[in-house]
C-alpha atoms as a PDB file:
ATOM      1  CA  MET A   1      -0.153   8.469  10.295  1.00  0.00           C
ATOM      2  CA  MET A   2      -4.444   9.105  10.056  1.00  0.00           C
ATOM      3  CA  ALA A   3      -3.604  12.555   9.092  1.00  0.00           C
ATOM      4  CA  ALA A   4      -0.720  10.404   5.881  1.00  0.00           C
ATOM      5  CA  PHE A   5      -3.767   8.443   5.298  1.00  0.00           C
ATOM      6  CA  GLY A   6      -6.351  10.932   4.719  1.00  0.00           C
ATOM      7  CA  ASP A   7      -3.681  13.778   2.872  1.00  0.00           C
ATOM      8  CA  ALA A   8      -3.406  10.687   0.594  1.00  0.00           C
ATOM      9  CA  LEU A   9      -6.999  10.160  -0.665  1.00  0.00           C
ATOM     10  CA  VAL A  10      -7.280  13.803  -1.308  1.00  0.00           C
ATOM     11  CA  LEU A  11      -3.973  13.691  -3.760  1.00  0.00           C
ATOM     12  CA  LEU A  12      -5.639  10.268  -5.441  1.00  0.00           C
ATOM     13  CA  VAL A  13      -9.609  12.293  -5.176  1.00  0.00           C
ATOM     14  CA  GLN A  14      -7.862  15.233  -6.193  1.00  0.00           C
ATOM     15  CA  GLY A  15      -6.621  14.062  -9.041  1.00  0.00           C
ATOM     16  CA  ASP A  16      -2.938  15.057  -8.494  1.00  0.00           C
ATOM     17  CA  PRO A  17      -0.664  16.129 -11.824  1.00  0.00           C
ATOM     18  CA  ALA A  18       2.060  14.997 -10.425  1.00  0.00           C
ATOM     19  CA  LEU A  19       0.856  11.841  -8.775  1.00  0.00           C
ATOM     20  CA  TRP A  20      -1.248  10.471 -12.040  1.00  0.00           C
ATOM     21  CA  ASP A  21       1.769  11.616 -14.294  1.00  0.00           C
ATOM     22  CA  VAL A  22       4.370   8.543 -12.555  1.00  0.00           C
ATOM     23  CA  ILE A  23       0.621   6.184 -12.196  1.00  0.00           C
ATOM     24  CA  LEU A  24       0.570   6.517 -16.022  1.00  0.00           C
ATOM     25  CA  ARG A  25       4.378   6.026 -16.722  1.00  0.00           C
ATOM     26  CA  SER A  26       4.576   3.280 -14.025  1.00  0.00           C
ATOM     27  CA  LEU A  27       2.091   1.291 -16.361  1.00  0.00           C
ATOM     28  CA  TRP A  28       3.143   2.059 -19.426  1.00  0.00           C
ATOM     29  CA  VAL A  29       6.751   0.686 -19.278  1.00  0.00           C
ATOM     30  CA  SER A  30       5.803  -2.381 -17.672  1.00  0.00           C
ATOM     31  CA  SER A  31       3.072  -3.630 -19.816  1.00  0.00           C
ATOM     32  CA  LEU A  32       4.670  -2.474 -22.677  1.00  0.00           C
ATOM     33  CA  ALA A  33       8.209  -4.377 -20.956  1.00  0.00           C
ATOM     34  CA  ALA A  34       6.321  -7.378 -19.728  1.00  0.00           C
ATOM     35  CA  GLY A  35       4.660  -7.723 -23.463  1.00  0.00           C
ATOM     36  CA  LEU A  36       7.810  -7.522 -25.035  1.00  0.00           C
ATOM     37  CA  ALA A  37       8.629 -10.359 -23.272  1.00  0.00           C
ATOM     38  CA  MET A  38       5.759 -12.725 -23.591  1.00  0.00           C
ATOM     39  CA  MET A  39       6.946 -11.911 -27.246  1.00  0.00           C
ATOM     40  CA  ALA A  40      10.626 -13.015 -26.830  1.00  0.00           C
ATOM     41  CA  ALA A  41       9.716 -15.839 -24.333  1.00  0.00           C
ATOM     42  CA  ILE A  42       6.608 -17.463 -26.592  1.00  0.00           C
ATOM     43  CA  PRO A  43       8.707 -19.298 -28.822  1.00  0.00           C
ATOM     44  CA  LEU A  44      11.630 -19.691 -26.856  1.00  0.00           C
ATOM     45  CA  GLY A  45       8.757 -21.635 -24.893  1.00  0.00           C
ATOM     46  CA  VAL A  46       7.231 -23.354 -26.823  1.00  0.00           C
ATOM     47  CA  VAL A  47      10.128 -25.195 -28.062  1.00  0.00           C
ATOM     48  CA  LEU A  48      12.159 -26.105 -24.399  1.00  0.00           C
ATOM     49  CA  GLY A  49       8.717 -26.932 -23.886  1.00  0.00           C
ATOM     50  CA  THR A  50       7.739 -29.549 -26.677  1.00  0.00           C
ATOM     51  CA  ARG A  51      10.372 -30.521 -27.650  1.00  0.00           C
ATOM     52  CA  ALA A  52      13.349 -33.068 -25.814  1.00  0.00           C
ATOM     53  CA  PHE A  53      16.969 -32.030 -27.280  1.00  0.00           C
ATOM     54  CA  ARG A  54      19.954 -32.241 -26.508  1.00  0.00           C
ATOM     55  CA  GLY A  55      21.251 -29.102 -24.369  1.00  0.00           C
ATOM     56  CA  ARG A  56      17.575 -28.736 -23.183  1.00  0.00           C
ATOM     57  CA  TRP A  57      17.993 -28.832 -19.760  1.00  0.00           C
ATOM     58  CA  LEU A  58      21.221 -26.419 -19.594  1.00  0.00           C
ATOM     59  CA  ILE A  59      19.493 -24.149 -21.166  1.00  0.00           C
ATOM     60  CA  ASN A  60      17.047 -24.001 -18.242  1.00  0.00           C
ATOM     61  CA  THR A  61      18.924 -23.612 -15.906  1.00  0.00           C
ATOM     62  CA  VAL A  62      20.319 -20.800 -16.994  1.00  0.00           C
ATOM     63  CA  ILE A  63      17.077 -19.320 -17.790  1.00  0.00           C
ATOM     64  CA  SER A  64      16.586 -19.960 -13.626  1.00  0.00           C
ATOM     65  CA  SER A  65      19.816 -18.909 -12.570  1.00  0.00           C
ATOM     66  CA  PHE A  66      19.267 -15.371 -14.639  1.00  0.00           C
ATOM     67  CA  GLN A  67      16.556 -15.035 -12.417  1.00  0.00           C
ATOM     68  CA  ALA A  68      18.617 -14.012  -9.262  1.00  0.00           C
ATOM     69  CA  VAL A  69      20.448 -11.225 -11.110  1.00  0.00           C
ATOM     70  CA  PRO A  70      19.742  -8.415  -8.736  1.00  0.00           C
ATOM     71  CA  ALA A  71      18.169  -5.150  -9.967  1.00  0.00           C
ATOM     72  CA  VAL A  72      20.625  -3.100  -9.588  1.00  0.00           C
ATOM     73  CA  VAL A  73      23.241  -5.532 -11.876  1.00  0.00           C
ATOM     74  CA  VAL A  74      20.422  -5.360 -14.677  1.00  0.00           C
ATOM     75  CA  GLY A  75      20.240  -1.897 -14.569  1.00  0.00           C
ATOM     76  CA  LEU A  76      23.882  -0.616 -13.935  1.00  0.00           C
ATOM     77  CA  LEU A  77      24.895  -2.878 -17.414  1.00  0.00           C
ATOM     78  CA  VAL A  78      22.351  -1.317 -18.353  1.00  0.00           C
ATOM     79  CA  TYR A  79      23.410   1.829 -17.918  1.00  0.00           C
ATOM     80  CA  LEU A  80      26.575   1.233 -18.788  1.00  0.00           C
ATOM     81  CA  LEU A  81      25.536  -0.388 -22.635  1.00  0.00           C
ATOM     82  CA  LEU A  82      23.177   3.223 -22.565  1.00  0.00           C
ATOM     83  CA  SER A  83      26.042   5.580 -21.364  1.00  0.00           C
ATOM     84  CA  ARG A  84      27.662   7.826 -24.118  1.00  0.00           C
ATOM     85  CA  GLN A  85      31.040   5.859 -23.846  1.00  0.00           C
ATOM     86  CA  GLY A  86      28.524   2.441 -23.929  1.00  0.00           C
ATOM     87  CA  LEU A  87      27.199   0.749 -27.095  1.00  0.00           C
ATOM     88  CA  LEU A  88      24.150   1.852 -27.538  1.00  0.00           C
ATOM     89  CA  GLY A  89      24.861   5.718 -26.347  1.00  0.00           C
ATOM     90  CA  GLU A  90      24.604   7.343 -29.733  1.00  0.00           C
ATOM     91  CA  LEU A  91      20.325   7.064 -29.023  1.00  0.00           C
ATOM     92  CA  ARG A  92      21.192   9.455 -25.325  1.00  0.00           C
ATOM     93  CA  LEU A  93      18.420   6.569 -24.120  1.00  0.00           C
ATOM     94  CA  LEU A  94      19.560   7.039 -20.747  1.00  0.00           C
ATOM     95  CA  PHE A  95      18.307   9.065 -18.311  1.00  0.00           C
ATOM     96  CA  THR A  96      14.718   8.527 -20.169  1.00  0.00           C
ATOM     97  CA  SER A  97      10.921   6.093 -19.519  1.00  0.00           C
ATOM     98  CA  TRP A  98      13.383   3.702 -22.325  1.00  0.00           C
ATOM     99  CA  ALA A  99      15.664   2.985 -20.459  1.00  0.00           C
ATOM    100  CA  ILE A 100      13.575   1.868 -17.555  1.00  0.00           C
ATOM    101  CA  LEU A 101      11.687   0.066 -19.774  1.00  0.00           C
ATOM    102  CA  ILE A 102      14.658  -1.870 -21.624  1.00  0.00           C
ATOM    103  CA  ALA A 103      16.105  -2.898 -17.961  1.00  0.00           C
ATOM    104  CA  GLN A 104      12.657  -4.251 -16.515  1.00  0.00           C
ATOM    105  CA  PHE A 105      12.142  -5.586 -20.054  1.00  0.00           C
ATOM    106  CA  ILE A 106      15.732  -7.708 -18.807  1.00  0.00           C
ATOM    107  CA  LEU A 107      14.782  -8.146 -15.659  1.00  0.00           C
ATOM    108  CA  VAL A 108      11.225 -10.123 -15.925  1.00  0.00           C
ATOM    109  CA  LEU A 109      12.572 -11.720 -19.556  1.00  0.00           C
ATOM    110  CA  PRO A 110      13.930 -14.910 -17.704  1.00  0.00           C
ATOM    111  CA  LEU A 111      11.076 -14.894 -15.655  1.00  0.00           C
ATOM    112  CA  ALA A 112       8.886 -14.695 -18.663  1.00  0.00           C
ATOM    113  CA  LEU A 113      10.479 -17.957 -20.430  1.00  0.00           C
ATOM    114  CA  ALA A 114      10.606 -19.626 -16.911  1.00  0.00           C
ATOM    115  CA  LEU A 115       7.239 -19.676 -16.625  1.00  0.00           C
ATOM    116  CA  VAL A 116       5.894 -19.609 -20.409  1.00  0.00           C
ATOM    117  CA  THR A 117       8.282 -22.914 -21.013  1.00  0.00           C
ATOM    118  CA  THR A 118       6.785 -24.438 -17.499  1.00  0.00           C
ATOM    119  CA  ARG A 119       3.191 -23.969 -18.489  1.00  0.00           C
ATOM    120  CA  LEU A 120       3.602 -25.505 -21.748  1.00  0.00           C
ATOM    121  CA  SER A 121       5.403 -28.573 -20.728  1.00  0.00           C
ATOM    122  CA  ASP A 122       2.719 -29.249 -17.996  1.00  0.00           C
ATOM    123  CA  LEU A 123      -0.468 -28.647 -20.907  1.00  0.00           C
ATOM    124  CA  TRP A 124       1.992 -31.042 -23.658  1.00  0.00           C
ATOM    125  CA  ARG A 125       2.476 -33.351 -20.953  1.00  0.00           C
ATOM    126  CA  ARG A 126      -1.279 -33.439 -19.645  1.00  0.00           C
ATOM    127  CA  PHE A 127      -2.679 -33.515 -23.114  1.00  0.00           C
ATOM    128  CA  GLY A 128      -0.287 -34.339 -25.503  1.00  0.00           C
ATOM    129  CA  ASP A 129       0.567 -37.805 -25.205  1.00  0.00           C
ATOM    130  CA  LEU A 130      -2.771 -38.308 -25.218  1.00  0.00           C
ATOM    131  CA  TYR A 131      -3.004 -36.525 -28.874  1.00  0.00           C
ATOM    132  CA  GLN A 132      -0.465 -39.038 -29.369  1.00  0.00           C
ATOM    133  CA  LEU A 133      -2.474 -42.287 -28.597  1.00  0.00           C
ATOM    134  CA  ASP A 134      -4.467 -40.653 -31.273  1.00  0.00           C
ATOM    135  CA  GLY A 135      -1.976 -40.656 -33.904  1.00  0.00           C
ATOM    136  CA  ALA A 136      -2.222 -37.485 -34.312  1.00  0.00           C
ATOM    137  CA  GLY A 137       1.928 -35.743 -35.120  1.00  0.00           C
ATOM    138  CA  TYR A 138       2.703 -33.189 -33.405  1.00  0.00           C
ATOM    139  CA  GLY A 139       2.618 -30.091 -35.798  1.00  0.00           C
ATOM    140  CA  THR A 140      -1.729 -31.459 -34.908  1.00  0.00           C
ATOM    141  CA  ARG A 141      -0.298 -31.672 -31.001  1.00  0.00           C
ATOM    142  CA  LEU A 142       0.954 -28.402 -31.244  1.00  0.00           C
ATOM    143  CA  LYS A 143      -1.921 -26.736 -32.686  1.00  0.00           C
ATOM    144  CA  ALA A 144      -3.927 -28.569 -30.066  1.00  0.00           C
ATOM    145  CA  LEU A 145      -1.441 -26.908 -27.758  1.00  0.00           C
ATOM    146  CA  VAL A 146      -1.763 -23.532 -29.165  1.00  0.00           C
ATOM    147  CA  ARG A 147      -6.357 -23.828 -28.116  1.00  0.00           C
ATOM    148  CA  MET A 148      -5.039 -24.685 -24.393  1.00  0.00           C
ATOM    149  CA  ALA A 149      -2.602 -21.831 -23.903  1.00  0.00           C
ATOM    150  CA  PRO A 150      -3.809 -18.087 -24.348  1.00  0.00           C
ATOM    151  CA  GLY A 151      -5.359 -19.153 -20.713  1.00  0.00           C
ATOM    152  CA  PRO A 152      -2.293 -19.786 -19.106  1.00  0.00           C
ATOM    153  CA  LEU A 153      -0.287 -17.793 -20.729  1.00  0.00           C
ATOM    154  CA  ILE A 154      -2.099 -14.647 -19.618  1.00  0.00           C
ATOM    155  CA  VAL A 155      -1.949 -15.443 -16.031  1.00  0.00           C
ATOM    156  CA  VAL A 156       2.207 -16.201 -16.507  1.00  0.00           C
ATOM    157  CA  GLY A 157       1.878 -12.206 -18.413  1.00  0.00           C
ATOM    158  CA  LEU A 158       0.141 -10.449 -15.598  1.00  0.00           C
ATOM    159  CA  THR A 159       2.245 -11.644 -13.686  1.00  0.00           C
ATOM    160  CA  VAL A 160       5.482 -10.664 -15.540  1.00  0.00           C
ATOM    161  CA  PHE A 161       4.190  -7.261 -15.215  1.00  0.00           C
ATOM    162  CA  GLY A 162       3.421  -7.500 -11.674  1.00  0.00           C
ATOM    163  CA  ARG A 163       7.353  -8.079 -11.308  1.00  0.00           C
ATOM    164  CA  ALA A 164       7.592  -5.429 -13.257  1.00  0.00           C
ATOM    165  CA  ILE A 165       5.846  -2.638 -12.670  1.00  0.00           C
ATOM    166  CA  SER A 166       7.056  -3.660  -8.513  1.00  0.00           C
ATOM    167  CA  GLU A 167      11.161  -2.871  -9.495  1.00  0.00           C
ATOM    168  CA  VAL A 168      12.733   0.028  -8.325  1.00  0.00           C
ATOM    169  CA  GLY A 169      16.866  -0.708  -8.166  1.00  0.00           C
ATOM    170  CA  ALA A 170      17.336  -0.068 -12.417  1.00  0.00           C
ATOM    171  CA  ALA A 171      14.841   2.373 -13.153  1.00  0.00           C
ATOM    172  CA  ILE A 172      16.626   4.565 -10.619  1.00  0.00           C
ATOM    173  CA  ILE A 173      19.909   3.437 -11.994  1.00  0.00           C
ATOM    174  CA  VAL A 174      18.967   4.114 -15.400  1.00  0.00           C
ATOM    175  CA  GLY A 175      16.220   6.207 -15.123  1.00  0.00           C
ATOM    176  CA  GLY A 176      17.260   8.972 -12.652  1.00  0.00           C
ATOM    177  CA  ASN A 177      14.190   9.285 -11.200  1.00  0.00           C
ATOM    178  CA  LEU A 178      13.215  12.528 -12.576  1.00  0.00           C
ATOM    179  CA  GLU A 179      10.190  14.889 -12.127  1.00  0.00           C
ATOM    180  CA  PHE A 180       7.509  14.485 -15.181  1.00  0.00           C
ATOM    181  CA  ALA A 181      10.469  12.428 -16.856  1.00  0.00           C
ATOM    182  CA  THR A 182      11.205   9.048 -15.273  1.00  0.00           C
ATOM    183  CA  ARG A 183       9.769   8.731 -11.925  1.00  0.00           C
ATOM    184  CA  VAL A 184       7.537   6.041 -11.624  1.00  0.00           C
ATOM    185  CA  LEU A 185       5.670   4.607  -8.799  1.00  0.00           C
ATOM    186  CA  THR A 186       8.453   3.037  -6.863  1.00  0.00           C
ATOM    187  CA  THR A 187      11.072   5.012  -7.405  1.00  0.00           C
ATOM    188  CA  ALA A 188       8.622   7.795  -6.164  1.00  0.00           C
ATOM    189  CA  ILE A 189       8.140   6.215  -2.974  1.00  0.00           C
ATOM    190  CA  LYS A 190      11.442   5.893  -2.285  1.00  0.00           C
ATOM    191  CA  LEU A 191      11.961   9.878  -2.435  1.00  0.00           C
ATOM    192  CA  GLU A 192       8.547  10.518  -0.726  1.00  0.00           C
ATOM    193  CA  VAL A 193      10.044   8.410   1.786  1.00  0.00           C
ATOM    194  CA  GLU A 194      13.435   9.951   2.220  1.00  0.00           C
ATOM    195  CA  GLN A 195      11.968  13.685   1.314  1.00  0.00           C
ATOM    196  CA  GLY A 196       9.555  12.489   4.924  1.00  0.00           C
ATOM    197  CA  LYS A 197       6.257  13.049   2.908  1.00  0.00           C
ATOM    198  CA  LEU A 198       4.414  10.858   4.080  1.00  0.00           C
ATOM    199  CA  ALA A 199       1.225  11.821   1.953  1.00  0.00           C
ATOM    200  CA  GLN A 200       2.486  11.397  -0.971  1.00  0.00           C
ATOM    201  CA  ALA A 201       4.410   8.156  -0.127  1.00  0.00           C
ATOM    202  CA  LEU A 202       1.180   6.913   1.007  1.00  0.00           C
ATOM    203  CA  ALA A 203      -0.836   8.183  -2.082  1.00  0.00           C
ATOM    204  CA  PHE A 204       1.578   5.978  -4.780  1.00  0.00           C
ATOM    205  CA  GLY A 205       1.650   3.354  -2.157  1.00  0.00           C
ATOM    206  CA  MET A 206      -1.966   2.517  -2.202  1.00  0.00           C
ATOM    207  CA  VAL A 207      -1.640   3.261  -5.706  1.00  0.00           C
ATOM    208  CA  LEU A 208       0.653   0.606  -6.608  1.00  0.00           C
ATOM    209  CA  LEU A 209      -1.007  -1.802  -3.749  1.00  0.00           C
ATOM    210  CA  VAL A 210      -4.316  -1.830  -5.753  1.00  0.00           C
ATOM    211  CA  LEU A 211      -2.770  -2.315  -8.661  1.00  0.00           C
ATOM    212  CA  ALA A 212      -1.251  -5.665  -7.805  1.00  0.00           C
ATOM    213  CA  PHE A 213      -4.221  -7.131  -5.699  1.00  0.00           C
ATOM    214  CA  ALA A 214      -5.963  -6.045  -9.268  1.00  0.00           C
ATOM    215  CA  VAL A 215      -3.012  -8.160 -11.789  1.00  0.00           C
ATOM    216  CA  ASN A 216      -3.294 -10.638  -8.387  1.00  0.00           C
ATOM    217  CA  LEU A 217      -6.977 -11.163  -9.074  1.00  0.00           C
ATOM    218  CA  ALA A 218      -7.201 -10.859 -12.938  1.00  0.00           C
ATOM    219  CA  ALA A 219      -4.935 -14.075 -12.856  1.00  0.00           C
ATOM    220  CA  ARG A 220      -7.184 -15.783 -10.482  1.00  0.00           C
ATOM    221  CA  LEU A 221     -10.034 -14.932 -12.994  1.00  0.00           C
ATOM    222  CA  VAL A 222      -8.244 -16.764 -15.739  1.00  0.00           C
ATOM    223  CA  ALA A 223      -7.426 -19.590 -14.273  1.00  0.00           C
ATOM    224  CA  VAL A 224     -10.638 -19.999 -12.922  1.00  0.00           C
ATOM    225  CA  ALA A 225     -12.909 -19.399 -16.369  1.00  0.00           C
ATOM    226  CA  VAL A 226     -10.773 -20.391 -18.563  1.00  0.00           C
ATOM    227  CA  PRO A 227     -10.062 -24.874 -17.169  1.00  0.00           C
ATOM    228  CA  ALA A 228      -7.559 -26.430 -20.078  1.00  0.00           C
ATOM    229  CA  GLU A 229      -9.943 -29.418 -19.043  1.00  0.00           C
ATOM    230  CA  ASP A 230     -12.575 -27.641 -20.117  1.00  0.00           C
ATOM    231  CA  LEU A 231     -10.574 -26.316 -23.644  1.00  0.00           C
ATOM    232  CA  GLU A 232      -8.895 -29.366 -23.929  1.00  0.00           C
ATOM    233  CA  ARG A 233     -12.543 -30.873 -24.398  1.00  0.00           C
ATOM    234  CA  LYS A 234     -13.792 -28.454 -26.874  1.00  0.00           C
END
């Protein structure tokens, strides 16, 4: 086992081309999927977090329910959508990095919606009423919310990225785990373990652990550095 760890470190230090190809692909695919999910989630999260209307509870329930959909089911649906007989088959995106991106986007979108709505709703309840007592209208309170939101939303974005980059089931189904084409960190770990290549698997695993630690550390630092109370006082 120690020898495998040593070999894994050698692979990382030497800059193995296959290793860095997987790392870079994982980063850009998951970053873009998380970014697109946040772009879609923020407008709806503003409405759900600041407005009381009939049907809001149902929408939140549906969003929560979709968070429980297994990744392999999402992968299967995207596979059917992108296959030759599918609605988007003519685009020929199946077994490409773009197919993985689409699957990850669909997978993390409910999580992004739920977290954005929760964070904005909390801020609205904590500070929106204070502005309302001062006679501020909805527009003024919404501007105040926008000023307070960046810190919490960055934390949400990092969480969504962490979920995207750790996904494996959908990536295998729609990507095919093709070397120098669609292989990402999680699918690479699975393949190397199956082939008994522990050094390579550990190298990929160490990178994934470092990324997970970095994402969590960044989220904590942002949460501490940009508390909503300080923004509210400005």
